[in-house]
Amino acid sequence: MKQKNIALVAHDNKKKELVAWAQDKAAILEQVGIYATGTTGRLIQDALNRPVTRLLSGPLGGDLLRIAALYNIPVACNKASADFMIHSPLLMEGTYQPDAPDFSAYTQRQTPAG
């Protein structure tokens, strides 16, 4: 089975709560690759004592919500949703593959300059 990955992003006043959630779910998170933005990534890496792929901080382009919406990636925006998602057999144990978006109509369109 292909390795699962999870992205963890938190606003400044929610970082402590996300780190606590990650510590609570550490055994589950051992099974996945973790991606996170700037400071959040450092905090999670330190708290879990494991590697985290750190992206740019949110204001520098690291925010992932738009990308998730475009590419049909499941997103949890609060602790309750994250709990439901991480315990879902579709996410962690199954082979669920979200539909891949088809952007060909957009990428192949004629533009005035082209």
Protein backbone atom coordinates (compact mmCIF):
# COMPACT_ATOMS: atom_id res chain seq x y z
CA MET A 1 0.00 0.00 0.00
CA LYS A 2 1.20 3.49 -0.82
CA GLN A 3 2.44 5.53 2.15
CA LYS A 4 -0.14 7.91 3.55
CA ASN A 5 0.80 11.48 4.40
CA ILE A 6 -0.85 14.08 6.56
CA ALA A 7 -0.41 17.84 6.54
CA LEU A 8 -0.73 19.68 9.84
CA VAL A 9 -1.29 23.43 9.77
CA ALA A 10 -2.34 25.69 12.62
CA HIS A 11 -2.91 29.39 13.11
CA ASP A 12 -0.73 30.95 15.79
CA ASN A 13 -3.28 30.71 18.58
CA LYS A 14 -4.08 27.05 17.68
CA LYS A 15 -0.52 25.66 17.50
CA LYS A 16 -0.50 24.47 21.12
CA GLU A 17 -3.82 22.64 20.60
CA LEU A 18 -2.54 20.98 17.39
CA VAL A 19 0.68 19.85 19.05
CA ALA A 20 -1.32 18.34 21.92
CA TRP A 21 -3.57 16.56 19.38
CA ALA A 22 -0.52 15.21 17.55
CA GLN A 23 0.97 13.94 20.81
CA ASP A 24 -2.34 12.24 21.65
CA LYS A 25 -2.38 10.61 18.19
CA ALA A 26 1.38 9.86 18.07
CA ALA A 27 0.92 6.09 17.65
CA ILE A 28 -1.34 6.60 14.63
CA LEU A 29 0.89 9.32 13.20
CA GLU A 30 3.89 6.94 13.30
CA GLN A 31 2.30 5.24 10.29
CA VAL A 32 2.25 8.34 8.08
CA GLY A 33 4.54 10.99 6.71
CA ILE A 34 3.95 14.38 8.27
CA TYR A 35 4.08 17.68 6.40
CA ALA A 36 3.60 20.97 8.20
CA THR A 37 4.14 24.66 7.73
CA GLY A 38 7.05 26.55 9.33
CA THR A 39 6.78 26.92 13.08
CA THR A 40 4.03 24.32 13.37
CA GLY A 41 6.33 21.76 11.78
CA ARG A 42 9.15 22.54 14.17
CA LEU A 43 6.85 22.29 17.19
CA ILE A 44 5.41 18.95 16.06
CA GLN A 45 8.83 17.59 15.18
CA ASP A 46 10.12 18.47 18.64
CA ALA A 47 7.02 17.15 20.43
CA LEU A 48 6.95 13.83 18.56
CA ASN A 49 10.72 13.47 18.25
CA ARG A 50 10.45 12.45 14.61
CA PRO A 51 11.06 14.02 11.21
CA VAL A 52 8.50 16.41 9.77
CA THR A 53 8.75 17.78 6.25
CA ARG A 54 8.55 21.52 6.84
CA LEU A 55 7.11 23.80 4.20
CA LEU A 56 7.10 27.58 4.01
CA SER A 57 5.17 29.33 6.72
CA GLY A 58 1.57 30.21 5.89
CA PRO A 59 2.10 33.88 4.96
CA LEU A 60 4.91 32.86 2.57
CA GLY A 61 2.74 30.43 0.62
CA GLY A 62 2.59 27.40 2.88
CA ASP A 63 -1.16 27.52 3.50
CA LEU A 64 -2.63 24.28 2.08
CA LEU A 65 -6.40 24.83 2.16
CA ARG A 66 -6.72 26.06 -1.46
CA ILE A 67 -4.55 23.20 -2.75
CA ALA A 68 -6.65 20.69 -0.82
CA ALA A 69 -9.86 22.10 -2.31
CA LEU A 70 -8.46 22.02 -5.85
CA TYR A 71 -7.07 18.49 -5.64
CA ASN A 72 -9.89 16.84 -3.67
CA ILE A 73 -7.84 16.20 -0.54
CA PRO A 74 -9.71 15.56 2.74
CA VAL A 75 -9.39 18.47 5.18
CA ALA A 76 -10.20 18.78 8.88
CA CYS A 77 -10.50 22.33 10.16
CA ASN A 78 -11.00 21.53 13.84
CA LYS A 79 -10.17 18.87 16.42
CA ALA A 80 -13.51 17.06 16.14
CA SER A 81 -13.19 16.69 12.36
CA ALA A 82 -9.55 15.63 12.68
CA ASP A 83 -10.53 12.95 15.21
CA PHE A 84 -13.22 11.58 12.87
CA MET A 85 -10.84 11.66 9.92
CA ILE A 86 -7.80 10.07 11.52
CA HIS A 87 -9.91 7.23 12.90
CA SER A 88 -11.68 6.59 9.59
CA PRO A 89 -10.80 3.26 7.98
CA LEU A 90 -11.08 5.03 4.62
CA LEU A 91 -8.14 7.26 5.46
CA MET A 92 -5.78 5.19 7.54
CA GLU A 93 -6.48 1.54 6.67
CA GLY A 94 -8.22 1.55 3.33
CA THR A 95 -7.22 2.20 -0.21
CA TYR A 96 -9.53 5.17 -0.79
CA GLN A 97 -8.40 7.29 -3.69
CA PRO A 98 -10.11 10.64 -4.15
CA ASP A 99 -11.15 11.52 -7.69
CA ALA A 100 -8.33 13.26 -9.53
CA PRO A 101 -9.37 16.64 -10.88
CA ASP A 102 -9.27 17.26 -14.63
CA PHE A 103 -7.94 20.72 -15.33
CA SER A 104 -7.40 20.11 -19.06
CA ALA A 105 -10.19 22.47 -20.15
CA TYR A 106 -8.46 25.22 -18.21
CA THR A 107 -4.85 24.40 -19.09
CA GLN A 108 -5.59 23.90 -22.80
CA ARG A 109 -7.83 26.92 -23.29
CA GLN A 110 -7.00 29.59 -25.82
CA THR A 111 -6.04 32.93 -24.32
CA PRO A 112 -5.68 36.29 -26.08
CA ALA A 113 -1.89 36.12 -25.62
CA GLY A 114 -1.58 32.51 -26.82
